[in-house]
């Protein structure tokens, strides 16, 4: 029997985080292992690992799609993977973790019995553990609470009328100041800061935040924030690794030398080199999407729908959602409406199918179908994952078809959404959704398409 400590973390800190933890706990117990999983969710860490538990563990298993602080695991064998792998291939993940020879060192060096094996393992997982996409997802995970809070407050201001916030001193104006004036103003800085944090740890945070704020101030927007984050992260990392001071002055590095030099470089590059071209690209994209109509709008909605359902909270889904959120911050609200409609559809379609065609699902799936319905109305696409994992060849195409219909219809009807999340609860806010009736129809039609395809593709289970 092995002792395992684990951490699970996904960009939103909602579904994947806890589904991965549950899968690891179940399979580890089935195989006779002792495991404790710390979940780093949207409201902070739960089931936190103690120093004693870490010390006694045979291996540390990190199943995360975002940056995880590793300082406390000095000298421990560890294995890194994604939450998706932990959910879908749990047995293999635990076996690989127990076979790992990689030892964490806070000095940045691996101390392993077999250095060749360490190099090979690190090479195989390089793109996964230190890739640009993971850094981006870390930034997105920290940005999302800011965006959601800001978006919902903006939506609440519309209760008093679409333009009620223009009257100073009113509650509508206060809500808009909080949501649009504060939350949306800092969201790009938060995105940029935590991209840099993922790359260079704490030293990258200050130049990343400042670079992101510059991106907002020079109208480079969401794209500029991404550029600033990566620039700040890699510039900071280079400074830390290559600039050395005499031992007596090393204390100046983290508080003076690194933040000063990194911020100076990032700031000058953003103002004199990056800002103009990226701002132009951002404005062009915004103008193109705002002018879309007819077949172009339908095509964009269809693509968003397919991406949202393809991996249900995975990298493709998050790419579509992240771009839609970025456009929302720039004032383009059609894509986020399509993304939410397409994200609600998969679990809702499964719920309908389990209610109508009960002979095509096992008893456990019928119960899971009810839970999927609740998750669907809350815009938690991950509610469809258990069904997709069990029967991917039939379920995933059905989900993608329904989401494509929902996304395409939402864009075709010109539906717009003022908030980036919330599901059915946002729809209840007056004026938060443009063309509400057609938006509801889009979601219903997509869910129905998914349900019908599931009933056609899945065969009745012999009684």
Protein backbone atom coordinates (compact mmCIF):
# COMPACT_ATOMS: atom_id res chain seq x y z
CA UNK A 1 0.00 0.00 0.00
CA UNK A 2 1.32 3.42 -0.99
CA UNK A 3 0.65 6.78 0.63
CA UNK A 4 -0.27 9.46 -1.88
CA UNK A 5 -0.96 13.16 -1.42
CA UNK A 6 -2.53 14.99 -4.33
CA UNK A 7 -3.68 18.41 -5.49
CA UNK A 8 -6.38 19.02 -8.08
CA UNK A 9 -7.01 22.42 -9.68
CA UNK A 10 -8.78 23.56 -12.84
CA UNK A 11 -9.11 27.06 -14.33
CA UNK A 12 -12.58 27.75 -12.94
CA UNK A 13 -12.07 25.78 -9.73
CA UNK A 14 -15.51 24.24 -10.01
CA UNK A 15 -16.27 20.95 -11.71
CA UNK A 16 -12.99 19.44 -12.98
CA UNK A 17 -11.25 20.13 -9.67
CA UNK A 18 -13.68 18.05 -7.64
CA UNK A 19 -14.36 15.39 -10.28
CA UNK A 20 -10.62 14.68 -10.51
CA UNK A 21 -10.37 14.50 -6.72
CA UNK A 22 -13.30 12.10 -6.52
CA UNK A 23 -11.86 9.85 -9.23
CA UNK A 24 -8.43 9.72 -7.59
CA UNK A 25 -9.89 8.94 -4.17
CA UNK A 26 -12.08 6.14 -5.53
CA UNK A 27 -9.47 4.38 -7.67
CA UNK A 28 -6.72 4.76 -5.06
CA UNK A 29 -8.98 3.16 -2.44
CA UNK A 30 -9.95 0.36 -4.86
CA UNK A 31 -6.24 -0.41 -5.34
CA UNK A 32 -5.52 -0.38 -1.60
CA UNK A 33 -3.64 2.93 -1.53
CA UNK A 34 -4.01 5.67 1.07
CA UNK A 35 -4.65 9.07 -0.50
CA UNK A 36 -5.52 12.60 0.56
CA UNK A 37 -6.51 15.13 -2.09
CA UNK A 38 -6.33 18.89 -1.61
CA UNK A 39 -8.77 20.67 -3.91
CA UNK A 40 -7.78 24.18 -4.96
CA UNK A 41 -11.21 25.39 -5.99
CA UNK A 42 -12.88 28.68 -6.70
CA UNK A 43 -13.26 29.50 -2.99
CA UNK A 44 -9.78 28.44 -1.94
CA UNK A 45 -8.09 25.22 -0.88
CA UNK A 46 -10.11 22.51 0.85
CA UNK A 47 -8.84 19.40 2.62
CA UNK A 48 -5.47 21.12 2.89
CA UNK A 49 -2.41 18.88 3.11
CA UNK A 50 -0.43 19.10 6.35
CA UNK A 51 3.36 19.06 6.61
CA UNK A 52 3.19 15.65 8.30
CA UNK A 53 1.04 14.16 5.52
CA UNK A 54 3.39 15.50 2.86
CA UNK A 55 6.43 14.19 4.76
CA UNK A 56 4.94 10.69 5.10
CA UNK A 57 3.74 10.44 1.50
CA UNK A 58 5.46 8.22 -1.04
CA UNK A 59 4.59 10.55 -3.92
CA UNK A 60 2.91 13.88 -4.64
CA UNK A 61 0.37 13.77 -7.49
CA UNK A 62 -0.50 17.12 -9.10
CA UNK A 63 -3.56 16.97 -11.36
CA UNK A 64 -3.90 20.58 -12.43
CA UNK A 65 -4.52 22.77 -15.46
CA UNK A 66 -3.22 25.87 -13.70
CA UNK A 67 -0.14 26.88 -11.73
CA UNK A 68 0.29 25.07 -8.39
CA UNK A 69 2.73 26.39 -5.77
CA UNK A 70 5.31 23.61 -5.24
CA UNK A 71 7.49 25.11 -2.48
CA UNK A 72 6.20 22.82 0.25
CA UNK A 73 7.09 19.68 -1.71
CA UNK A 74 10.86 20.16 -1.54
CA UNK A 75 12.64 16.81 -1.86
CA UNK A 76 9.48 14.80 -2.60
CA UNK A 77 8.87 12.56 -5.60
CA UNK A 78 6.10 14.07 -7.70
CA UNK A 79 4.09 13.51 -10.86
CA UNK A 80 2.17 16.12 -12.84
CA UNK A 81 -0.81 15.62 -15.14
CA UNK A 82 -4.07 17.37 -16.08
CA UNK A 83 -7.45 17.12 -14.37
CA UNK A 84 -8.87 15.62 -17.56
CA UNK A 85 -6.36 12.76 -17.47
CA UNK A 86 -7.07 12.20 -13.78
CA UNK A 87 -10.78 11.87 -14.57
CA UNK A 88 -10.54 9.74 -17.71
CA UNK A 89 -7.44 7.59 -17.09
CA UNK A 90 -7.27 7.47 -13.31
CA UNK A 91 -5.63 4.06 -13.01
CA UNK A 92 -2.83 5.00 -15.41
CA UNK A 93 -2.28 8.34 -13.66
CA UNK A 94 -1.87 6.70 -10.24
CA UNK A 95 0.42 4.01 -11.66
CA UNK A 96 2.58 6.62 -13.39
CA UNK A 97 2.74 8.70 -10.20
CA UNK A 98 3.94 5.75 -8.15
CA UNK A 99 6.57 4.96 -10.80
CA UNK A 100 7.83 8.55 -10.96
CA UNK A 101 11.50 9.24 -10.19
CA UNK A 102 11.29 13.04 -10.47
CA UNK A 103 12.14 14.84 -7.23
CA UNK A 104 11.08 18.43 -6.65
CA UNK A 105 13.77 20.96 -5.79
CA UNK A 106 13.00 24.59 -5.03
CA UNK A 107 16.41 25.51 -6.39
CA UNK A 108 15.13 24.52 -9.80
CA UNK A 109 17.29 21.39 -10.01
CA UNK A 110 16.06 17.79 -9.95
CA UNK A 111 17.88 15.36 -7.71
CA UNK A 112 17.12 11.87 -8.99
CA UNK A 113 18.83 8.54 -8.76
CA UNK A 114 18.63 8.15 -12.50
CA UNK A 115 19.14 11.53 -14.16
CA UNK A 116 18.55 10.13 -17.63
CA UNK A 117 15.10 8.93 -16.61
CA UNK A 118 14.28 12.31 -15.12
CA UNK A 119 15.29 14.06 -18.33
CA UNK A 120 13.17 11.66 -20.36
CA UNK A 121 10.10 12.11 -18.15
CA UNK A 122 10.46 15.90 -18.17
CA UNK A 123 10.86 15.90 -21.95
CA UNK A 124 7.71 13.85 -22.44
CA UNK A 125 5.63 16.18 -20.28
CA UNK A 126 7.28 19.49 -21.16
CA UNK A 127 4.39 20.84 -23.21
CA UNK A 128 1.88 19.73 -20.62
CA UNK A 129 3.54 20.97 -17.46
CA UNK A 130 5.22 24.18 -18.56
CA UNK A 131 3.50 24.97 -21.86
CA UNK A 132 2.12 28.36 -22.83
CA UNK A 133 -1.44 27.10 -22.68
CA UNK A 134 -1.12 26.17 -19.02
CA UNK A 135 0.24 29.64 -18.22
CA UNK A 136 -2.70 31.18 -20.08
CA UNK A 137 -5.19 29.02 -18.16
CA UNK A 138 -3.62 30.09 -14.88
CA UNK A 139 -4.21 33.72 -15.81
CA UNK A 140 -7.77 32.95 -16.90
CA UNK A 141 -8.53 31.09 -13.66
CA UNK A 142 -7.59 34.12 -11.55
CA UNK A 143 -9.34 36.51 -13.93
CA UNK A 144 -12.69 34.68 -14.08
CA UNK A 145 -13.97 35.66 -10.60
CA UNK A 146 -13.26 39.30 -11.45
CA UNK A 147 -15.05 39.01 -14.79
CA UNK A 148 -18.03 37.15 -13.37
CA UNK A 149 -18.47 39.59 -10.47
CA UNK A 150 -18.11 42.58 -12.79
CA UNK A 151 -20.37 41.16 -15.47
CA UNK A 152 -23.16 40.27 -13.06
CA UNK A 153 -23.01 43.71 -11.43
CA UNK A 154 -23.26 45.34 -14.86
CA UNK A 155 -26.21 43.08 -15.65
CA UNK A 156 -27.87 44.07 -12.35
CA UNK A 157 -27.52 47.75 -13.30
CA UNK A 158 -29.67 47.03 -16.36
CA UNK A 159 -32.63 46.15 -14.11
CA UNK A 160 -33.27 49.89 -13.89
CA UNK A 161 -33.03 50.32 -17.67
CA UNK A 162 -30.33 49.90 -20.30
CA UNK A 163 -29.09 53.47 -19.89
CA UNK A 164 -30.12 54.10 -16.28
CA UNK A 165 -26.46 54.02 -15.18
CA UNK A 166 -25.83 57.31 -17.00
CA UNK A 167 -27.72 59.19 -14.28
CA UNK A 168 -25.11 59.97 -11.64
CA UNK A 169 -25.85 59.20 -8.02
CA UNK A 170 -28.28 56.37 -8.75
CA UNK A 171 -27.91 52.75 -7.68
CA UNK A 172 -27.64 51.79 -11.36
CA UNK A 173 -24.66 54.15 -11.73
CA UNK A 174 -23.02 52.70 -8.61
CA UNK A 175 -23.42 49.14 -9.89
CA UNK A 176 -21.92 50.13 -13.22
CA UNK A 177 -19.01 51.88 -11.50
CA UNK A 178 -18.25 48.76 -9.49
CA UNK A 179 -18.70 46.29 -12.34
CA UNK A 180 -17.55 48.24 -15.38
CA UNK A 181 -15.43 50.96 -13.85
CA UNK A 182 -13.52 48.78 -11.39
CA UNK A 183 -13.84 45.02 -12.08
CA UNK A 184 -13.64 45.21 -15.87
CA UNK A 185 -10.89 47.82 -15.63
CA UNK A 186 -8.57 45.52 -13.67
CA UNK A 187 -9.49 42.19 -15.32
CA UNK A 188 -6.80 42.47 -18.01
CA UNK A 189 -4.20 43.33 -15.37
CA UNK A 190 -5.20 40.27 -13.32
CA UNK A 191 -5.00 38.06 -16.42
CA UNK A 192 -1.57 39.41 -17.32
CA UNK A 193 -0.27 39.30 -13.75
CA UNK A 194 -1.12 35.67 -13.20
CA UNK A 195 0.16 34.53 -16.57
CA UNK A 196 3.48 36.03 -15.49
CA UNK A 197 3.07 34.45 -12.04
CA UNK A 198 2.63 31.02 -13.65
CA UNK A 199 5.85 31.47 -15.63
CA UNK A 200 8.11 33.16 -13.07
CA UNK A 201 6.30 32.62 -9.75
CA UNK A 202 5.98 35.61 -7.38
CA UNK A 203 8.67 37.82 -9.00
CA UNK A 204 6.58 37.89 -12.18
CA UNK A 205 3.44 39.19 -10.53
CA UNK A 206 4.29 42.92 -10.24
CA UNK A 207 5.56 43.42 -13.82
CA UNK A 208 2.68 41.29 -15.10
CA UNK A 209 0.04 43.36 -13.30
CA UNK A 210 1.61 46.62 -14.46
CA UNK A 211 1.96 45.35 -18.03
CA UNK A 212 -1.69 44.31 -18.05
CA UNK A 213 -2.82 47.68 -16.77
CA UNK A 214 -0.77 49.34 -19.49
CA UNK A 215 -2.48 47.10 -22.05
CA UNK A 216 -5.84 48.41 -20.82
CA UNK A 217 -4.70 52.03 -20.78
CA UNK A 218 -3.34 51.96 -24.35
CA UNK A 219 -6.44 50.14 -25.66
CA UNK A 220 -4.56 46.93 -26.46
CA UNK A 221 -7.29 45.09 -24.57
CA UNK A 222 -7.47 41.41 -23.84
CA UNK A 223 -4.93 40.43 -26.50
CA UNK A 224 -2.48 43.02 -25.20
CA UNK A 225 -2.90 41.63 -21.69
CA UNK A 226 -1.94 38.17 -22.89
CA UNK A 227 1.15 39.54 -24.62
CA UNK A 228 2.09 41.57 -21.52
CA UNK A 229 1.70 38.53 -19.28
CA UNK A 230 3.97 36.29 -21.31
CA UNK A 231 6.47 39.09 -21.83
CA UNK A 232 6.58 39.88 -18.11
CA UNK A 233 6.89 36.23 -17.16
CA UNK A 234 9.76 35.36 -19.46
CA UNK A 235 11.62 38.65 -18.92
CA UNK A 236 11.39 38.17 -15.16
CA UNK A 237 12.50 34.56 -15.41
CA UNK A 238 15.53 35.58 -17.50
CA UNK A 239 16.51 38.30 -15.00
CA UNK A 240 16.22 35.93 -12.04
CA UNK A 241 18.29 33.24 -13.76
CA UNK A 242 20.97 35.43 -15.33
CA UNK A 243 21.60 38.50 -13.18
CA UNK A 244 23.62 37.75 -10.06
CA UNK A 245 24.57 40.19 -7.31
CA UNK A 246 27.27 39.84 -4.65
CA UNK A 247 26.09 37.80 -1.66
CA UNK A 248 25.73 40.88 0.54
CA UNK A 249 23.30 42.45 -1.94
CA UNK A 250 21.20 39.39 -2.85
CA UNK A 251 18.37 40.67 -0.67
CA UNK A 252 17.88 43.51 -3.15
CA UNK A 253 16.98 41.15 -6.01
CA UNK A 254 13.33 40.38 -5.13
CA UNK A 255 12.41 43.83 -3.78
CA UNK A 256 14.34 46.15 -6.10
CA UNK A 257 16.31 44.71 -9.02
CA UNK A 258 13.82 42.20 -10.44
CA UNK A 259 10.61 44.30 -10.21
CA UNK A 260 12.39 47.45 -11.44
CA UNK A 261 14.12 45.91 -14.46
CA UNK A 262 11.26 43.63 -15.46
CA UNK A 263 8.65 46.37 -15.18
CA UNK A 264 10.84 48.81 -17.09
CA UNK A 265 11.37 46.38 -19.98
CA UNK A 266 7.73 45.29 -20.12
CA UNK A 267 6.44 48.85 -19.88
CA UNK A 268 8.66 50.23 -22.64
CA UNK A 269 7.96 47.29 -24.96
CA UNK A 270 4.21 47.60 -24.42
CA UNK A 271 4.18 51.36 -25.03
CA UNK A 272 6.60 51.63 -27.95
CA UNK A 273 6.37 48.26 -29.72
CA UNK A 274 3.41 46.05 -28.81
CA UNK A 275 0.63 48.48 -27.93
CA UNK A 276 -0.06 49.95 -31.36
CA UNK A 277 -0.18 46.76 -33.48
CA UNK A 278 -2.06 44.71 -30.87
CA UNK A 279 -4.51 47.54 -30.30
CA UNK A 280 -5.17 47.66 -34.04
CA UNK A 281 -5.76 43.91 -34.17
CA UNK A 282 -8.07 44.14 -31.15
CA UNK A 283 -10.11 46.96 -32.69
CA UNK A 284 -10.30 45.20 -36.07
CA UNK A 285 -11.56 42.00 -34.47
CA UNK A 286 -14.09 43.94 -32.43
CA UNK A 287 -15.37 45.85 -35.48
CA UNK A 288 -15.59 42.67 -37.56
CA UNK A 289 -17.61 40.82 -34.94
CA UNK A 290 -19.90 43.79 -34.30
CA UNK A 291 -20.66 44.06 -38.02
CA UNK A 292 -21.38 40.36 -38.51
CA UNK A 293 -24.77 39.24 -39.70
CA UNK A 294 -26.37 36.37 -41.58
CA UNK A 295 -24.19 33.42 -42.50
CA UNK A 296 -21.03 34.88 -40.93
CA UNK A 297 -22.72 35.15 -37.54
CA UNK A 298 -24.16 31.66 -37.83
CA UNK A 299 -20.72 30.24 -38.69
CA UNK A 300 -19.07 31.91 -35.69
CA UNK A 301 -21.82 30.65 -33.39
CA UNK A 302 -21.55 27.16 -34.82
CA UNK A 303 -17.77 27.06 -34.25
CA UNK A 304 -18.16 28.35 -30.68
CA UNK A 305 -20.80 25.68 -30.07
CA UNK A 306 -18.64 22.86 -31.38
CA UNK A 307 -15.69 23.99 -29.28
CA UNK A 308 -17.74 24.34 -26.09
CA UNK A 309 -19.03 20.75 -26.35
CA UNK A 310 -15.92 19.04 -27.70
CA UNK A 311 -14.21 18.47 -24.35
CA UNK A 312 -16.69 20.02 -21.87
CA UNK A 313 -14.44 22.23 -19.78
CA UNK A 314 -11.18 21.05 -21.29
CA UNK A 315 -8.65 23.05 -23.34
CA UNK A 316 -10.83 23.50 -26.45
CA UNK A 317 -13.86 24.51 -24.39
CA UNK A 318 -11.77 26.95 -22.34
CA UNK A 319 -10.27 28.46 -25.51
CA UNK A 320 -13.72 29.32 -26.88
CA UNK A 321 -14.93 30.63 -23.54
CA UNK A 322 -11.78 32.67 -22.88
CA UNK A 323 -11.96 34.40 -26.25
CA UNK A 324 -15.67 35.13 -25.69
CA UNK A 325 -14.94 36.63 -22.26
CA UNK A 326 -12.19 38.77 -23.76
CA UNK A 327 -14.60 40.07 -26.38
CA UNK A 328 -17.18 40.80 -23.68
CA UNK A 329 -14.62 43.02 -21.96
CA UNK A 330 -14.20 44.86 -25.26
CA UNK A 331 -17.93 45.42 -25.55
CA UNK A 332 -18.74 42.59 -28.00
CA UNK A 333 -21.46 40.58 -26.26
CA UNK A 334 -22.72 38.20 -28.96
CA UNK A 335 -20.04 35.48 -28.69
CA UNK A 336 -20.39 35.11 -24.90
CA UNK A 337 -24.13 34.59 -25.36
CA UNK A 338 -23.41 31.83 -27.88
CA UNK A 339 -20.79 30.30 -25.58
CA UNK A 340 -23.13 30.16 -22.59
CA UNK A 341 -26.00 28.73 -24.63
CA UNK A 342 -23.70 26.09 -26.10
CA UNK A 343 -22.23 25.33 -22.68
CA UNK A 344 -25.64 24.80 -21.07
CA UNK A 345 -26.87 22.51 -23.83
CA UNK A 346 -24.82 19.29 -23.28
CA UNK A 347 -25.94 18.48 -19.71
CA UNK A 348 -29.48 19.68 -20.44
CA UNK A 349 -29.68 17.42 -23.50
CA UNK A 350 -28.49 14.47 -21.42
CA UNK A 351 -31.10 15.26 -18.77
CA UNK A 352 -33.89 15.24 -21.37
CA UNK A 353 -32.64 11.99 -22.89
CA UNK A 354 -32.48 10.25 -19.51
CA UNK A 355 -36.02 11.38 -18.75
CA UNK A 356 -37.50 10.22 -22.07
CA UNK A 357 -35.42 7.17 -23.08
CA UNK A 358 -34.76 5.50 -19.74
CA UNK A 359 -34.18 2.12 -21.40
CA UNK A 360 -30.98 3.44 -22.96
CA UNK A 361 -29.29 4.29 -19.68
CA UNK A 362 -28.26 2.37 -16.60
CA UNK A 363 -29.80 3.18 -13.20
CA UNK A 364 -26.72 5.10 -12.09
CA UNK A 365 -26.86 7.15 -15.29
CA UNK A 366 -30.52 8.00 -14.71
CA UNK A 367 -29.57 9.50 -11.35
CA UNK A 368 -26.57 11.28 -12.87
CA UNK A 369 -28.90 12.66 -15.56
CA UNK A 370 -30.89 14.55 -12.92
CA UNK A 371 -27.69 16.08 -11.57
CA UNK A 372 -26.65 16.96 -15.13
CA UNK A 373 -29.88 18.91 -15.55
CA UNK A 374 -29.13 21.03 -12.49
CA UNK A 375 -25.57 21.64 -13.66
CA UNK A 376 -26.82 22.52 -17.14
CA UNK A 377 -29.12 25.31 -16.00
CA UNK A 378 -26.16 26.67 -14.00
CA UNK A 379 -23.89 26.68 -17.10
CA UNK A 380 -21.58 23.94 -15.82
CA UNK A 381 -20.85 21.96 -18.97
CA UNK A 382 -18.79 19.41 -17.05
CA UNK A 383 -22.02 17.75 -15.93
CA UNK A 384 -21.92 15.84 -19.22
CA UNK A 385 -18.42 14.40 -18.67
CA UNK A 386 -19.39 11.11 -16.95
CA UNK A 387 -21.60 10.20 -19.90
CA UNK A 388 -18.98 11.22 -22.47
CA UNK A 389 -16.24 9.23 -20.73
CA UNK A 390 -18.39 6.09 -20.62
CA UNK A 391 -19.56 6.22 -24.26
CA UNK A 392 -17.53 8.86 -26.14
CA UNK A 393 -18.25 7.75 -29.72
CA UNK A 394 -22.00 8.21 -29.29
CA UNK A 395 -22.22 10.92 -26.65
CA UNK A 396 -19.63 13.48 -27.79
CA UNK A 397 -21.00 13.85 -31.38
CA UNK A 398 -24.50 14.24 -29.90
CA UNK A 399 -23.32 16.97 -27.53
CA UNK A 400 -21.42 18.80 -30.27
CA UNK A 401 -24.42 18.74 -32.61
CA UNK A 402 -26.73 20.24 -30.00
CA UNK A 403 -24.23 22.90 -28.93
CA UNK A 404 -23.53 23.84 -32.55
CA UNK A 405 -27.26 24.41 -33.07
CA UNK A 406 -27.55 26.47 -29.87
CA UNK A 407 -24.52 28.62 -30.68
CA UNK A 408 -25.52 29.18 -34.30
CA UNK A 409 -29.11 30.10 -33.42
CA UNK A 410 -27.99 32.48 -30.67
CA UNK A 411 -25.75 34.38 -33.09
CA UNK A 412 -28.30 34.25 -35.91
CA UNK A 413 -30.98 35.82 -33.68
CA UNK A 414 -28.54 38.53 -32.55
CA UNK A 415 -28.71 37.51 -28.90
CA UNK A 416 -26.35 39.38 -26.59
CA UNK A 417 -25.38 38.76 -22.99
CA UNK A 418 -24.07 41.26 -20.44
CA UNK A 419 -22.64 38.69 -18.01
CA UNK A 420 -20.07 35.92 -18.58
CA UNK A 421 -21.66 33.27 -16.35
CA UNK A 422 -24.66 32.38 -14.25
CA UNK A 423 -26.83 30.26 -16.54
CA UNK A 424 -30.57 30.54 -15.98
CA UNK A 425 -30.08 32.93 -13.06
CA UNK A 426 -28.68 35.61 -15.37
CA UNK A 427 -31.61 35.15 -17.74
CA UNK A 428 -33.91 36.26 -14.92
CA UNK A 429 -32.22 39.69 -14.75
CA UNK A 430 -34.21 42.18 -16.87
CA UNK A 431 -32.27 43.50 -19.88
CA UNK A 432 -29.24 41.26 -19.20
CA UNK A 433 -30.01 39.30 -22.37
CA UNK A 434 -30.96 40.85 -25.69
CA UNK A 435 -33.77 38.97 -27.48
CA UNK A 436 -34.46 36.75 -24.47
CA UNK A 437 -37.23 34.65 -26.05
CA UNK A 438 -35.04 33.63 -28.99
CA UNK A 439 -32.14 32.99 -26.64
CA UNK A 440 -34.25 30.60 -24.61
CA UNK A 441 -35.38 28.96 -27.85
CA UNK A 442 -31.74 28.52 -28.92
CA UNK A 443 -30.87 26.71 -25.69
CA UNK A 444 -34.00 24.55 -25.83
CA UNK A 445 -33.43 23.64 -29.49
CA UNK A 446 -29.81 22.69 -28.84
CA UNK A 447 -30.73 20.54 -25.84
CA UNK A 448 -33.47 18.82 -27.85
CA UNK A 449 -31.08 18.06 -30.73
CA UNK A 450 -28.62 16.49 -28.27
CA UNK A 451 -31.38 14.43 -26.65
CA UNK A 452 -32.71 13.19 -30.00
CA UNK A 453 -29.25 12.19 -31.21
CA UNK A 454 -28.55 10.34 -27.97
CA UNK A 455 -31.81 8.44 -28.30
CA UNK A 456 -30.95 7.51 -31.90
CA UNK A 457 -27.31 6.56 -31.37
CA UNK A 458 -27.58 4.78 -28.01
CA UNK A 459 -29.17 1.35 -28.19
CA UNK A 460 -31.64 0.05 -25.57
CA UNK A 461 -29.98 -1.82 -22.71
CA UNK A 462 -31.17 -5.46 -22.50
CA UNK A 463 -33.35 -5.90 -19.41
